[in-house]
C-alpha atoms as a PDB file:
ATOM      1  CA  UNK A   1     -58.484 -56.840  19.718  1.00  0.00           C
ATOM      2  CA  UNK A   2     -55.778 -58.269  17.513  1.00  0.00           C
ATOM      3  CA  UNK A   3     -56.187 -60.481  14.475  1.00  0.00           C
ATOM      4  CA  UNK A   4     -53.601 -62.854  13.090  1.00  0.00           C
ATOM      5  CA  UNK A   5     -52.974 -62.417   9.380  1.00  0.00           C
ATOM      6  CA  UNK A   6     -50.398 -63.182   6.738  1.00  0.00           C
ATOM      7  CA  UNK A   7     -48.592 -60.514   4.737  1.00  0.00           C
ATOM      8  CA  UNK A   8     -45.968 -60.812   2.054  1.00  0.00           C
ATOM      9  CA  UNK A   9     -42.947 -58.537   2.476  1.00  0.00           C
ATOM     10  CA  UNK A  10     -39.983 -57.836   0.259  1.00  0.00           C
ATOM     11  CA  UNK A  11     -36.919 -59.589   1.649  1.00  0.00           C
ATOM     12  CA  UNK A  12     -34.844 -56.431   1.786  1.00  0.00           C
ATOM     13  CA  UNK A  13     -37.588 -54.537   3.650  1.00  0.00           C
ATOM     14  CA  UNK A  14     -37.906 -57.292   6.236  1.00  0.00           C
ATOM     15  CA  UNK A  15     -34.140 -57.493   6.648  1.00  0.00           C
ATOM     16  CA  UNK A  16     -33.941 -53.748   7.272  1.00  0.00           C
ATOM     17  CA  UNK A  17     -36.754 -53.945   9.824  1.00  0.00           C
ATOM     18  CA  UNK A  18     -35.246 -56.931  11.641  1.00  0.00           C
ATOM     19  CA  UNK A  19     -31.944 -55.084  12.050  1.00  0.00           C
ATOM     20  CA  UNK A  20     -33.776 -52.404  14.012  1.00  0.00           C
ATOM     21  CA  UNK A  21     -36.752 -54.142  15.631  1.00  0.00           C
ATOM     22  CA  UNK A  22     -36.550 -57.099  18.017  1.00  0.00           C
ATOM     23  CA  UNK A  23     -38.374 -60.266  16.910  1.00  0.00           C
ATOM     24  CA  UNK A  24     -40.991 -59.827  19.661  1.00  0.00           C
ATOM     25  CA  UNK A  25     -41.642 -56.253  18.509  1.00  0.00           C
ATOM     26  CA  UNK A  26     -42.312 -56.930  14.840  1.00  0.00           C
ATOM     27  CA  UNK A  27     -46.119 -57.013  15.122  1.00  0.00           C
ATOM     28  CA  UNK A  28     -46.175 -53.784  17.097  1.00  0.00           C
ATOM     29  CA  UNK A  29     -43.855 -52.146  14.564  1.00  0.00           C
ATOM     30  CA  UNK A  30     -45.962 -53.248  11.581  1.00  0.00           C
ATOM     31  CA  UNK A  31     -49.171 -52.153  13.322  1.00  0.00           C
ATOM     32  CA  UNK A  32     -47.693 -48.738  14.143  1.00  0.00           C
ATOM     33  CA  UNK A  33     -46.345 -48.277  10.605  1.00  0.00           C
ATOM     34  CA  UNK A  34     -49.704 -49.181   9.088  1.00  0.00           C
ATOM     35  CA  UNK A  35     -51.522 -46.874  11.497  1.00  0.00           C
ATOM     36  CA  UNK A  36     -49.251 -43.952  10.603  1.00  0.00           C
ATOM     37  CA  UNK A  37     -49.667 -44.612   6.883  1.00  0.00           C
ATOM     38  CA  UNK A  38     -53.466 -44.883   7.010  1.00  0.00           C
ATOM     39  CA  UNK A  39     -53.715 -41.737   9.144  1.00  0.00           C
ATOM     40  CA  UNK A  40     -51.638 -39.862   6.559  1.00  0.00           C
ATOM     41  CA  UNK A  41     -53.878 -41.119   3.755  1.00  0.00           C
ATOM     42  CA  UNK A  42     -57.003 -40.140   5.691  1.00  0.00           C
ATOM     43  CA  UNK A  43     -55.533 -36.686   6.345  1.00  0.00           C
ATOM     44  CA  UNK A  44     -54.907 -36.227   2.617  1.00  0.00           C
ATOM     45  CA  UNK A  45     -58.524 -37.225   1.908  1.00  0.00           C
ATOM     46  CA  UNK A  46     -59.770 -34.658   4.451  1.00  0.00           C
ATOM     47  CA  UNK A  47     -57.544 -31.951   2.961  1.00  0.00           C
ATOM     48  CA  UNK A  48     -58.748 -32.769  -0.571  1.00  0.00           C
ATOM     49  CA  UNK A  49     -62.382 -32.544   0.578  1.00  0.00           C
ATOM     50  CA  UNK A  50     -61.679 -29.216   2.286  1.00  0.00           C
ATOM     51  CA  UNK A  51     -60.057 -27.814  -0.866  1.00  0.00           C
ATOM     52  CA  UNK A  52     -62.990 -29.022  -2.951  1.00  0.00           C
ATOM     53  CA  UNK A  53     -65.437 -27.375  -0.528  1.00  0.00           C
ATOM     54  CA  UNK A  54     -63.433 -24.168  -0.480  1.00  0.00           C
ATOM     55  CA  UNK A  55     -63.397 -23.981  -4.267  1.00  0.00           C
ATOM     56  CA  UNK A  56     -67.133 -24.701  -4.444  1.00  0.00           C
ATOM     57  CA  UNK A  57     -67.895 -22.024  -1.860  1.00  0.00           C
ATOM     58  CA  UNK A  58     -65.844 -19.572  -3.908  1.00  0.00           C
ATOM     59  CA  UNK A  59     -68.101 -20.191  -6.883  1.00  0.00           C
ATOM     60  CA  UNK A  60     -71.164 -19.639  -4.673  1.00  0.00           C
ATOM     61  CA  UNK A  61     -69.668 -16.403  -3.365  1.00  0.00           C
ATOM     62  CA  UNK A  62     -69.043 -15.168  -6.902  1.00  0.00           C
ATOM     63  CA  UNK A  63     -72.705 -15.811  -7.716  1.00  0.00           C
ATOM     64  CA  UNK A  64     -73.782 -13.797  -4.661  1.00  0.00           C
ATOM     65  CA  UNK A  65     -71.341 -11.017  -5.561  1.00  0.00           C
ATOM     66  CA  UNK A  66     -72.795 -10.860  -9.065  1.00  0.00           C
ATOM     67  CA  UNK A  67     -76.322 -10.558  -7.629  1.00  0.00           C
ATOM     68  CA  UNK A  68     -75.310  -7.698  -5.337  1.00  0.00           C
ATOM     69  CA  UNK A  69     -73.231  -5.946  -7.993  1.00  0.00           C
ATOM     70  CA  UNK A  70     -76.396  -5.251  -9.967  1.00  0.00           C
ATOM     71  CA  UNK A  71     -77.818  -3.453  -6.948  1.00  0.00           C
ATOM     72  CA  UNK A  72     -74.663  -1.426  -6.355  1.00  0.00           C
ATOM     73  CA  UNK A  73     -75.043   0.446  -9.641  1.00  0.00           C
ATOM     74  CA  UNK A  74     -78.653   1.358  -8.984  1.00  0.00           C
ATOM     75  CA  UNK A  75     -79.246   4.725  -7.382  1.00  0.00           C
ATOM     76  CA  UNK A  76     -81.510   5.424  -4.462  1.00  0.00           C
ATOM     77  CA  UNK A  77     -84.596   7.408  -5.390  1.00  0.00           C
ATOM     78  CA  UNK A  78     -84.556  11.016  -4.259  1.00  0.00           C
END
């Protein structure tokens, strides 16, 4: 489904686009450009969430390591 909308573009940007994109292809070009941009932004959000999760899991792992380290120094009874 497509929706008609109004956008405001810088004159120089529109001129550069019109030199390369036929008049009948402008909507498709804008839609594709916006899709690529939003996908890149979404990918960055996913990567940031993954980094945050990785760092948080590292802290959890350090806590577990500390718990086990106490047991490593204990000796088994003979």
